[in-house]
Amino acid sequence: MERFDTMLEAAGFAATLCKSWSFATSNDRYDVKGLLVIAETSDSENPIDEDSFYVVSPAGAIGLCEDGEDIDWLFMSDNAPNEDLPLTY
């Protein structure tokens, strides 16, 4: 898993691995352009604290790791919807 300080950096890397995502807690779907817009907006309106970071799975799923421990998976890769994702970093 790769680690990133902003969602935009994580989304940019994830876009090299996958071309579409589903939001983890709804049926919302995103293409690369949509994900990058959401990421940029999130970073500007709700930046994470200095002890938190984003992770990207090998298939392109994006998660938030708050305080360097548990991972809250936000965007699931449509390339591998059944990817075995870790719960901690």
PDB file of N, CA and C in Angstrom:
ATOM      1  N   MET A   1       0.846  -1.180   0.000  1.00  0.00           N
ATOM      2  CA  MET A   1       0.000   0.000   0.000  1.00  0.00           C
ATOM      3  C   MET A   1       0.887   1.237   0.000  1.00  0.00           C
ATOM      4  N   GLU A   2       0.445   2.213  -0.778  1.00  0.00           N
ATOM      5  CA  GLU A   2       1.137   3.495  -0.832  1.00  0.00           C
ATOM      6  C   GLU A   2       0.463   4.478   0.119  1.00  0.00           C
ATOM      7  N   ARG A   3       1.242   5.407   0.662  1.00  0.00           N
ATOM      8  CA  ARG A   3       0.767   6.374   1.651  1.00  0.00           C
ATOM      9  C   ARG A   3       0.882   7.797   1.091  1.00  0.00           C
ATOM     10  N   PHE A   4      -0.135   8.651   1.368  1.00  0.00           N
ATOM     11  CA  PHE A   4      -0.174  10.005   0.833  1.00  0.00           C
ATOM     12  C   PHE A   4      -0.689  10.984   1.882  1.00  0.00           C
ATOM     13  N   ASP A   5      -0.225  12.229   1.794  1.00  0.00           N
ATOM     14  CA  ASP A   5      -0.630  13.262   2.748  1.00  0.00           C
ATOM     15  C   ASP A   5      -1.933  13.958   2.381  1.00  0.00           C
ATOM     16  N   THR A   6      -2.317  13.924   1.110  1.00  0.00           N
ATOM     17  CA  THR A   6      -3.574  14.557   0.699  1.00  0.00           C
ATOM     18  C   THR A   6      -4.413  13.564  -0.102  1.00  0.00           C
ATOM     19  N   MET A   7      -5.710  13.817  -0.120  1.00  0.00           N
ATOM     20  CA  MET A   7      -6.585  12.951  -0.905  1.00  0.00           C
ATOM     21  C   MET A   7      -6.306  13.133  -2.397  1.00  0.00           C
ATOM     22  N   LEU A   8      -5.960  14.354  -2.808  1.00  0.00           N
ATOM     23  CA  LEU A   8      -5.677  14.589  -4.220  1.00  0.00           C
ATOM     24  C   LEU A   8      -4.463  13.777  -4.680  1.00  0.00           C
ATOM     25  N   GLU A   9      -3.414  13.707  -3.856  1.00  0.00           N
ATOM     26  CA  GLU A   9      -2.255  12.878  -4.197  1.00  0.00           C
ATOM     27  C   GLU A   9      -2.656  11.406  -4.280  1.00  0.00           C
ATOM     28  N   ALA A  10      -3.461  10.962  -3.317  1.00  0.00           N
ATOM     29  CA  ALA A  10      -3.918   9.566  -3.303  1.00  0.00           C
ATOM     30  C   ALA A  10      -4.772   9.268  -4.524  1.00  0.00           C
ATOM     31  N   ALA A  11      -5.681  10.173  -4.873  1.00  0.00           N
ATOM     32  CA  ALA A  11      -6.557   9.977  -6.027  1.00  0.00           C
ATOM     33  C   ALA A  11      -5.755   9.965  -7.326  1.00  0.00           C
ATOM     34  N   GLY A  12      -4.754  10.825  -7.414  1.00  0.00           N
ATOM     35  CA  GLY A  12      -3.908  10.841  -8.607  1.00  0.00           C
ATOM     36  C   GLY A  12      -3.182   9.525  -8.802  1.00  0.00           C
ATOM     37  N   PHE A  13      -2.664   8.962  -7.712  1.00  0.00           N
ATOM     38  CA  PHE A  13      -1.989   7.665  -7.801  1.00  0.00           C
ATOM     39  C   PHE A  13      -2.990   6.556  -8.106  1.00  0.00           C
ATOM     40  N   ALA A  14      -4.143   6.574  -7.423  1.00  0.00           N
ATOM     41  CA  ALA A  14      -5.174   5.551  -7.644  1.00  0.00           C
ATOM     42  C   ALA A  14      -5.629   5.542  -9.097  1.00  0.00           C
ATOM     43  N   ALA A  15      -5.630   6.709  -9.734  1.00  0.00           N
ATOM     44  CA  ALA A  15      -6.056   6.811 -11.131  1.00  0.00           C
ATOM     45  C   ALA A  15      -5.098   6.095 -12.082  1.00  0.00           C
ATOM     46  N   THR A  16      -3.890   5.810 -11.626  1.00  0.00           N
ATOM     47  CA  THR A  16      -2.960   5.034 -12.453  1.00  0.00           C
ATOM     48  C   THR A  16      -3.245   3.538 -12.342  1.00  0.00           C
ATOM     49  N   LEU A  17      -4.050   3.157 -11.344  1.00  0.00           N
ATOM     50  CA  LEU A  17      -4.341   1.746 -11.078  1.00  0.00           C
ATOM     51  C   LEU A  17      -5.758   1.342 -11.482  1.00  0.00           C
ATOM     52  N   CYS A  18      -6.645   2.310 -11.545  1.00  0.00           N
ATOM     53  CA  CYS A  18      -8.064   2.034 -11.730  1.00  0.00           C
ATOM     54  C   CYS A  18      -8.705   3.223 -12.431  1.00  0.00           C
ATOM     55  N   LYS A  19      -9.821   3.022 -13.086  1.00  0.00           N
ATOM     56  CA  LYS A  19     -10.495   4.118 -13.798  1.00  0.00           C
ATOM     57  C   LYS A  19     -11.887   4.431 -13.261  1.00  0.00           C
ATOM     58  N   SER A  20     -12.381   3.644 -12.281  1.00  0.00           N
ATOM     59  CA  SER A  20     -13.676   3.955 -11.677  1.00  0.00           C
ATOM     60  C   SER A  20     -13.746   3.386 -10.263  1.00  0.00           C
ATOM     61  N   TRP A  21     -14.515   4.082  -9.423  1.00  0.00           N
ATOM     62  CA  TRP A  21     -14.628   3.735  -8.006  1.00  0.00           C
ATOM     63  C   TRP A  21     -16.064   3.851  -7.554  1.00  0.00           C
ATOM     64  N   SER A  22     -16.376   3.159  -6.466  1.00  0.00           N
ATOM     65  CA  SER A  22     -17.655   3.285  -5.776  1.00  0.00           C
ATOM     66  C   SER A  22     -17.371   3.820  -4.391  1.00  0.00           C
ATOM     67  N   PHE A  23     -18.232   4.734  -3.928  1.00  0.00           N
ATOM     68  CA  PHE A  23     -18.077   5.239  -2.570  1.00  0.00           C
ATOM     69  C   PHE A  23     -18.443   4.116  -1.613  1.00  0.00           C
ATOM     70  N   ALA A  24     -17.697   3.950  -0.557  1.00  0.00           N
ATOM     71  CA  ALA A  24     -17.838   2.795   0.334  1.00  0.00           C
ATOM     72  C   ALA A  24     -19.200   2.702   1.021  1.00  0.00           C
ATOM     73  N   THR A  25     -19.829   3.836   1.312  1.00  0.00           N
ATOM     74  CA  THR A  25     -21.068   3.787   2.093  1.00  0.00           C
ATOM     75  C   THR A  25     -22.313   4.145   1.285  1.00  0.00           C
ATOM     76  N   SER A  26     -22.179   4.193  -0.043  1.00  0.00           N
ATOM     77  CA  SER A  26     -23.349   4.477  -0.879  1.00  0.00           C
ATOM     78  C   SER A  26     -23.135   3.851  -2.256  1.00  0.00           C
ATOM     79  N   ASN A  27     -24.079   4.054  -3.134  1.00  0.00           N
ATOM     80  CA  ASN A  27     -23.967   3.536  -4.495  1.00  0.00           C
ATOM     81  C   ASN A  27     -23.374   4.559  -5.455  1.00  0.00           C
ATOM     82  N   ASP A  28     -22.846   5.662  -4.920  1.00  0.00           N
ATOM     83  CA  ASP A  28     -22.245   6.687  -5.773  1.00  0.00           C
ATOM     84  C   ASP A  28     -21.019   6.118  -6.470  1.00  0.00           C
ATOM     85  N   ARG A  29     -20.897   6.449  -7.768  1.00  0.00           N
ATOM     86  CA  ARG A  29     -19.778   5.963  -8.572  1.00  0.00           C
ATOM     87  C   ARG A  29     -19.015   7.156  -9.121  1.00  0.00           C
ATOM     88  N   TYR A  30     -17.703   6.995  -9.293  1.00  0.00           N
ATOM     89  CA  TYR A  30     -16.842   8.073  -9.739  1.00  0.00           C
ATOM     90  C   TYR A  30     -15.901   7.586 -10.831  1.00  0.00           C
ATOM     91  N   ASP A  31     -15.722   8.417 -11.853  1.00  0.00           N
ATOM     92  CA  ASP A  31     -14.669   8.172 -12.827  1.00  0.00           C
ATOM     93  C   ASP A  31     -13.451   8.979 -12.380  1.00  0.00           C
ATOM     94  N   VAL A  32     -12.384   8.962 -13.156  1.00  0.00           N
ATOM     95  CA  VAL A  32     -11.147   9.647 -12.749  1.00  0.00           C
ATOM     96  C   VAL A  32     -11.405  11.131 -12.520  1.00  0.00           C
ATOM     97  N   LYS A  33     -12.047  11.781 -13.470  1.00  0.00           N
ATOM     98  CA  LYS A  33     -12.287  13.224 -13.352  1.00  0.00           C
ATOM     99  C   LYS A  33     -13.114  13.545 -12.111  1.00  0.00           C
ATOM    100  N   GLY A  34     -14.184  12.792 -11.881  1.00  0.00           N
ATOM    101  CA  GLY A  34     -15.033  13.013 -10.715  1.00  0.00           C
ATOM    102  C   GLY A  34     -14.300  12.795  -9.407  1.00  0.00           C
ATOM    103  N   LEU A  35     -13.474  11.759  -9.360  1.00  0.00           N
ATOM    104  CA  LEU A  35     -12.725  11.478  -8.140  1.00  0.00           C
ATOM    105  C   LEU A  35     -11.724  12.589  -7.844  1.00  0.00           C
ATOM    106  N   LEU A  36     -11.054  13.083  -8.865  1.00  0.00           N
ATOM    107  CA  LEU A  36     -10.083  14.158  -8.662  1.00  0.00           C
ATOM    108  C   LEU A  36     -10.754  15.438  -8.174  1.00  0.00           C
ATOM    109  N   VAL A  37     -11.945  15.732  -8.681  1.00  0.00           N
ATOM    110  CA  VAL A  37     -12.688  16.907  -8.218  1.00  0.00           C
ATOM    111  C   VAL A  37     -13.083  16.742  -6.754  1.00  0.00           C
ATOM    112  N   ILE A  38     -13.607  15.581  -6.397  1.00  0.00           N
ATOM    113  CA  ILE A  38     -13.996  15.302  -5.002  1.00  0.00           C
ATOM    114  C   ILE A  38     -12.776  15.407  -4.085  1.00  0.00           C
ATOM    115  N   ALA A  39     -11.654  14.867  -4.520  1.00  0.00           N
ATOM    116  CA  ALA A  39     -10.435  14.883  -3.709  1.00  0.00           C
ATOM    117  C   ALA A  39      -9.942  16.308  -3.480  1.00  0.00           C
ATOM    118  N   GLU A  40      -9.916  17.111  -4.529  1.00  0.00           N
ATOM    119  CA  GLU A  40      -9.457  18.492  -4.400  1.00  0.00           C
ATOM    120  C   GLU A  40     -10.372  19.286  -3.475  1.00  0.00           C
ATOM    121  N   THR A  41     -11.674  19.092  -3.614  1.00  0.00           N
ATOM    122  CA  THR A  41     -12.644  19.772  -2.756  1.00  0.00           C
ATOM    123  C   THR A  41     -12.472  19.337  -1.305  1.00  0.00           C
ATOM    124  N   SER A  42     -12.313  18.052  -1.086  1.00  0.00           N
ATOM    125  CA  SER A  42     -12.137  17.531   0.271  1.00  0.00           C
ATOM    126  C   SER A  42     -10.886  18.112   0.930  1.00  0.00           C
ATOM    127  N   ASP A  43      -9.800  18.151   0.186  1.00  0.00           N
ATOM    128  CA  ASP A  43      -8.549  18.692   0.738  1.00  0.00           C
ATOM    129  C   ASP A  43      -8.690  20.167   1.122  1.00  0.00           C
ATOM    130  N   SER A  44      -9.407  20.937   0.314  1.00  0.00           N
ATOM    131  CA  SER A  44      -9.524  22.372   0.596  1.00  0.00           C
ATOM    132  C   SER A  44     -10.546  22.668   1.691  1.00  0.00           C
ATOM    133  N   GLU A  45     -11.619  21.887   1.764  1.00  0.00           N
ATOM    134  CA  GLU A  45     -12.678  22.156   2.737  1.00  0.00           C
ATOM    135  C   GLU A  45     -12.507  21.419   4.056  1.00  0.00           C
ATOM    136  N   ASN A  46     -11.840  20.277   4.031  1.00  0.00           N
ATOM    137  CA  ASN A  46     -11.723  19.450   5.231  1.00  0.00           C
ATOM    138  C   ASN A  46     -10.365  18.745   5.273  1.00  0.00           C
ATOM    139  N   PRO A  47      -9.266  19.495   5.434  1.00  0.00           N
ATOM    140  CA  PRO A  47      -7.955  18.834   5.455  1.00  0.00           C
ATOM    141  C   PRO A  47      -7.807  17.918   6.670  1.00  0.00           C
ATOM    142  N   ILE A  48      -7.031  16.860   6.492  1.00  0.00           N
ATOM    143  CA  ILE A  48      -6.812  15.921   7.601  1.00  0.00           C
ATOM    144  C   ILE A  48      -5.747  16.481   8.545  1.00  0.00           C
ATOM    145  N   ASP A  49      -5.703  15.955   9.769  1.00  0.00           N
ATOM    146  CA  ASP A  49      -4.702  16.438  10.722  1.00  0.00           C
ATOM    147  C   ASP A  49      -3.341  15.813  10.423  1.00  0.00           C
ATOM    148  N   GLU A  50      -2.323  16.322  11.074  1.00  0.00           N
ATOM    149  CA  GLU A  50      -0.945  15.924  10.752  1.00  0.00           C
ATOM    150  C   GLU A  50      -0.618  14.470  11.084  1.00  0.00           C
ATOM    151  N   ASP A  51      -1.395  13.817  11.917  1.00  0.00           N
ATOM    152  CA  ASP A  51      -1.143  12.418  12.255  1.00  0.00           C
ATOM    153  C   ASP A  51      -1.905  11.440  11.367  1.00  0.00           C
ATOM    154  N   SER A  52      -2.657  11.965  10.411  1.00  0.00           N
ATOM    155  CA  SER A  52      -3.467  11.127   9.526  1.00  0.00           C
ATOM    156  C   SER A  52      -2.883  11.129   8.117  1.00  0.00           C
ATOM    157  N   PHE A  53      -3.287  10.137   7.322  1.00  0.00           N
ATOM    158  CA  PHE A  53      -2.828  10.050   5.938  1.00  0.00           C
ATOM    159  C   PHE A  53      -3.775   9.159   5.157  1.00  0.00           C
ATOM    160  N   TYR A  54      -3.647   9.211   3.841  1.00  0.00           N
ATOM    161  CA  TYR A  54      -4.442   8.372   2.946  1.00  0.00           C
ATOM    162  C   TYR A  54      -3.594   7.207   2.465  1.00  0.00           C
ATOM    163  N   VAL A  55      -4.243   6.079   2.185  1.00  0.00           N
ATOM    164  CA  VAL A  55      -3.560   4.924   1.621  1.00  0.00           C
ATOM    165  C   VAL A  55      -4.287   4.499   0.351  1.00  0.00           C
ATOM    166  N   VAL A  56      -3.527   3.915  -0.555  1.00  0.00           N
ATOM    167  CA  VAL A  56      -4.091   3.385  -1.790  1.00  0.00           C
ATOM    168  C   VAL A  56      -3.694   1.921  -1.893  1.00  0.00           C
ATOM    169  N   SER A  57      -4.677   1.062  -2.091  1.00  0.00           N
ATOM    170  CA  SER A  57      -4.435  -0.375  -2.200  1.00  0.00           C
ATOM    171  C   SER A  57      -3.835  -0.701  -3.568  1.00  0.00           C
ATOM    172  N   PRO A  58      -3.326  -1.908  -3.739  1.00  0.00           N
ATOM    173  CA  PRO A  58      -2.776  -2.308  -5.041  1.00  0.00           C
ATOM    174  C   PRO A  58      -3.776  -2.233  -6.195  1.00  0.00           C
ATOM    175  N   ALA A  59      -5.078  -2.344  -5.907  1.00  0.00           N
ATOM    176  CA  ALA A  59      -6.098  -2.267  -6.960  1.00  0.00           C
ATOM    177  C   ALA A  59      -6.660  -0.862  -7.138  1.00  0.00           C
ATOM    178  N   GLY A  60      -6.257   0.087  -6.270  1.00  0.00           N
ATOM    179  CA  GLY A  60      -6.698   1.465  -6.411  1.00  0.00           C
ATOM    180  C   GLY A  60      -7.742   1.944  -5.428  1.00  0.00           C
ATOM    181  N   ALA A  61      -8.106   1.150  -4.423  1.00  0.00           N
ATOM    182  CA  ALA A  61      -9.033   1.610  -3.387  1.00  0.00           C
ATOM    183  C   ALA A  61      -8.320   2.671  -2.543  1.00  0.00           C
ATOM    184  N   ILE A  62      -9.090   3.641  -2.052  1.00  0.00           N
ATOM    185  CA  ILE A  62      -8.518   4.736  -1.261  1.00  0.00           C
ATOM    186  C   ILE A  62      -9.115   4.708   0.134  1.00  0.00           C
ATOM    187  N   GLY A  63      -8.231   4.758   1.135  1.00  0.00           N
ATOM    188  CA  GLY A  63      -8.672   4.770   2.512  1.00  0.00           C
ATOM    189  C   GLY A  63      -8.025   5.889   3.297  1.00  0.00           C
ATOM    190  N   LEU A  64      -8.655   6.277   4.391  1.00  0.00           N
ATOM    191  CA  LEU A  64      -8.131   7.283   5.307  1.00  0.00           C
ATOM    192  C   LEU A  64      -7.669   6.581   6.567  1.00  0.00           C
ATOM    193  N   CYS A  65      -6.445   6.827   6.930  1.00  0.00           N
ATOM    194  CA  CYS A  65      -5.870   6.235   8.141  1.00  0.00           C
ATOM    195  C   CYS A  65      -5.683   7.370   9.152  1.00  0.00           C
ATOM    196  N   GLU A  66      -6.628   7.485  10.056  1.00  0.00           N
ATOM    197  CA  GLU A  66      -6.552   8.544  11.057  1.00  0.00           C
ATOM    198  C   GLU A  66      -5.656   8.103  12.200  1.00  0.00           C
ATOM    199  N   ASP A  67      -4.762   8.980  12.592  1.00  0.00           N
ATOM    200  CA  ASP A  67      -3.819   8.736  13.693  1.00  0.00           C
ATOM    201  C   ASP A  67      -2.935   7.522  13.452  1.00  0.00           C
ATOM    202  N   GLY A  68      -2.751   7.146  12.188  1.00  0.00           N
ATOM    203  CA  GLY A  68      -1.815   6.086  11.839  1.00  0.00           C
ATOM    204  C   GLY A  68      -2.220   4.688  12.242  1.00  0.00           C
ATOM    205  N   GLU A  69      -3.509   4.437  12.452  1.00  0.00           N
ATOM    206  CA  GLU A  69      -3.923   3.104  12.887  1.00  0.00           C
ATOM    207  C   GLU A  69      -5.000   2.502  11.987  1.00  0.00           C
ATOM    208  N   ASP A  70      -6.272   2.621  12.378  1.00  0.00           N
ATOM    209  CA  ASP A  70      -7.366   2.007  11.627  1.00  0.00           C
ATOM    210  C   ASP A  70      -7.567   2.696  10.277  1.00  0.00           C
ATOM    211  N   ILE A  71      -7.926   1.904   9.276  1.00  0.00           N
ATOM    212  CA  ILE A  71      -8.182   2.437   7.942  1.00  0.00           C
ATOM    213  C   ILE A  71      -9.680   2.472   7.695  1.00  0.00           C
ATOM    214  N   ASP A  72     -10.178   3.634   7.337  1.00  0.00           N
ATOM    215  CA  ASP A  72     -11.570   3.812   6.940  1.00  0.00           C
ATOM    216  C   ASP A  72     -11.556   3.873   5.414  1.00  0.00           C
ATOM    217  N   TRP A  73     -11.996   2.800   4.765  1.00  0.00           N
ATOM    218  CA  TRP A  73     -11.969   2.739   3.306  1.00  0.00           C
ATOM    219  C   TRP A  73     -13.072   3.627   2.739  1.00  0.00           C
ATOM    220  N   LEU A  74     -12.699   4.575   1.874  1.00  0.00           N
ATOM    221  CA  LEU A  74     -13.623   5.570   1.347  1.00  0.00           C
ATOM    222  C   LEU A  74     -14.106   5.255  -0.066  1.00  0.00           C
ATOM    223  N   PHE A  75     -13.168   4.919  -0.948  1.00  0.00           N
ATOM    224  CA  PHE A  75     -13.482   4.654  -2.348  1.00  0.00           C
ATOM    225  C   PHE A  75     -12.986   3.267  -2.714  1.00  0.00           C
ATOM    226  N   MET A  76     -13.898   2.440  -3.202  1.00  0.00           N
ATOM    227  CA  MET A  76     -13.571   1.066  -3.553  1.00  0.00           C
ATOM    228  C   MET A  76     -13.305   0.969  -5.053  1.00  0.00           C
ATOM    229  N   SER A  77     -12.270   0.266  -5.420  1.00  0.00           N
ATOM    230  CA  SER A  77     -11.907   0.093  -6.820  1.00  0.00           C
ATOM    231  C   SER A  77     -12.935  -0.781  -7.525  1.00  0.00           C
ATOM    232  N   ASP A  78     -13.444  -0.316  -8.655  1.00  0.00           N
ATOM    233  CA  ASP A  78     -14.364  -1.140  -9.441  1.00  0.00           C
ATOM    234  C   ASP A  78     -13.617  -2.256 -10.178  1.00  0.00           C
ATOM    235  N   ASN A  79     -12.280  -2.130 -10.275  1.00  0.00           N
ATOM    236  CA  ASN A  79     -11.469  -3.189 -10.893  1.00  0.00           C
ATOM    237  C   ASN A  79     -11.422  -4.444 -10.028  1.00  0.00           C
ATOM    238  N   ALA A  80     -11.497  -4.254  -8.715  1.00  0.00           N
ATOM    239  CA  ALA A  80     -11.391  -5.378  -7.781  1.00  0.00           C
ATOM    240  C   ALA A  80     -12.353  -5.143  -6.608  1.00  0.00           C
ATOM    241  N   PRO A  81     -13.667  -5.250  -6.844  1.00  0.00           N
ATOM    242  CA  PRO A  81     -14.627  -4.961  -5.785  1.00  0.00           C
ATOM    243  C   PRO A  81     -14.535  -5.887  -4.571  1.00  0.00           C
ATOM    244  N   ASN A  82     -13.928  -7.047  -4.752  1.00  0.00           N
ATOM    245  CA  ASN A  82     -13.792  -7.991  -3.639  1.00  0.00           C
ATOM    246  C   ASN A  82     -12.369  -8.051  -3.102  1.00  0.00           C
ATOM    247  N   GLU A  83     -11.601  -6.988  -3.350  1.00  0.00           N
ATOM    248  CA  GLU A  83     -10.230  -6.937  -2.863  1.00  0.00           C
ATOM    249  C   GLU A  83     -10.207  -7.084  -1.338  1.00  0.00           C
ATOM    250  N   ASP A  84      -9.296  -7.883  -0.833  1.00  0.00           N
ATOM    251  CA  ASP A  84      -9.143  -8.086   0.603  1.00  0.00           C
ATOM    252  C   ASP A  84      -8.361  -6.890   1.155  1.00  0.00           C
ATOM    253  N   LEU A  85      -9.097  -5.971   1.793  1.00  0.00           N
ATOM    254  CA  LEU A  85      -8.490  -4.727   2.295  1.00  0.00           C
ATOM    255  C   LEU A  85      -8.202  -4.834   3.782  1.00  0.00           C
ATOM    256  N   PRO A  86      -7.014  -4.420   4.199  1.00  0.00           N
ATOM    257  CA  PRO A  86      -6.682  -4.469   5.630  1.00  0.00           C
ATOM    258  C   PRO A  86      -7.481  -3.438   6.414  1.00  0.00           C
ATOM    259  N   LEU A  87      -7.673  -3.684   7.674  1.00  0.00           N
ATOM    260  CA  LEU A  87      -8.409  -2.775   8.540  1.00  0.00           C
ATOM    261  C   LEU A  87      -7.478  -1.826   9.297  1.00  0.00           C
ATOM    262  N   THR A  88      -6.184  -2.155   9.331  1.00  0.00           N
ATOM    263  CA  THR A  88      -5.209  -1.302  10.002  1.00  0.00           C
ATOM    264  C   THR A  88      -3.993  -1.134   9.097  1.00  0.00           C
ATOM    265  N   TYR A  89      -3.220  -0.080   9.386  1.00  0.00           N
ATOM    266  CA  TYR A  89      -2.021   0.195   8.605  1.00  0.00           C
ATOM    267  C   TYR A  89      -0.813  -0.381   9.306  1.00  0.00           C
TER     268      TYR A  89
END
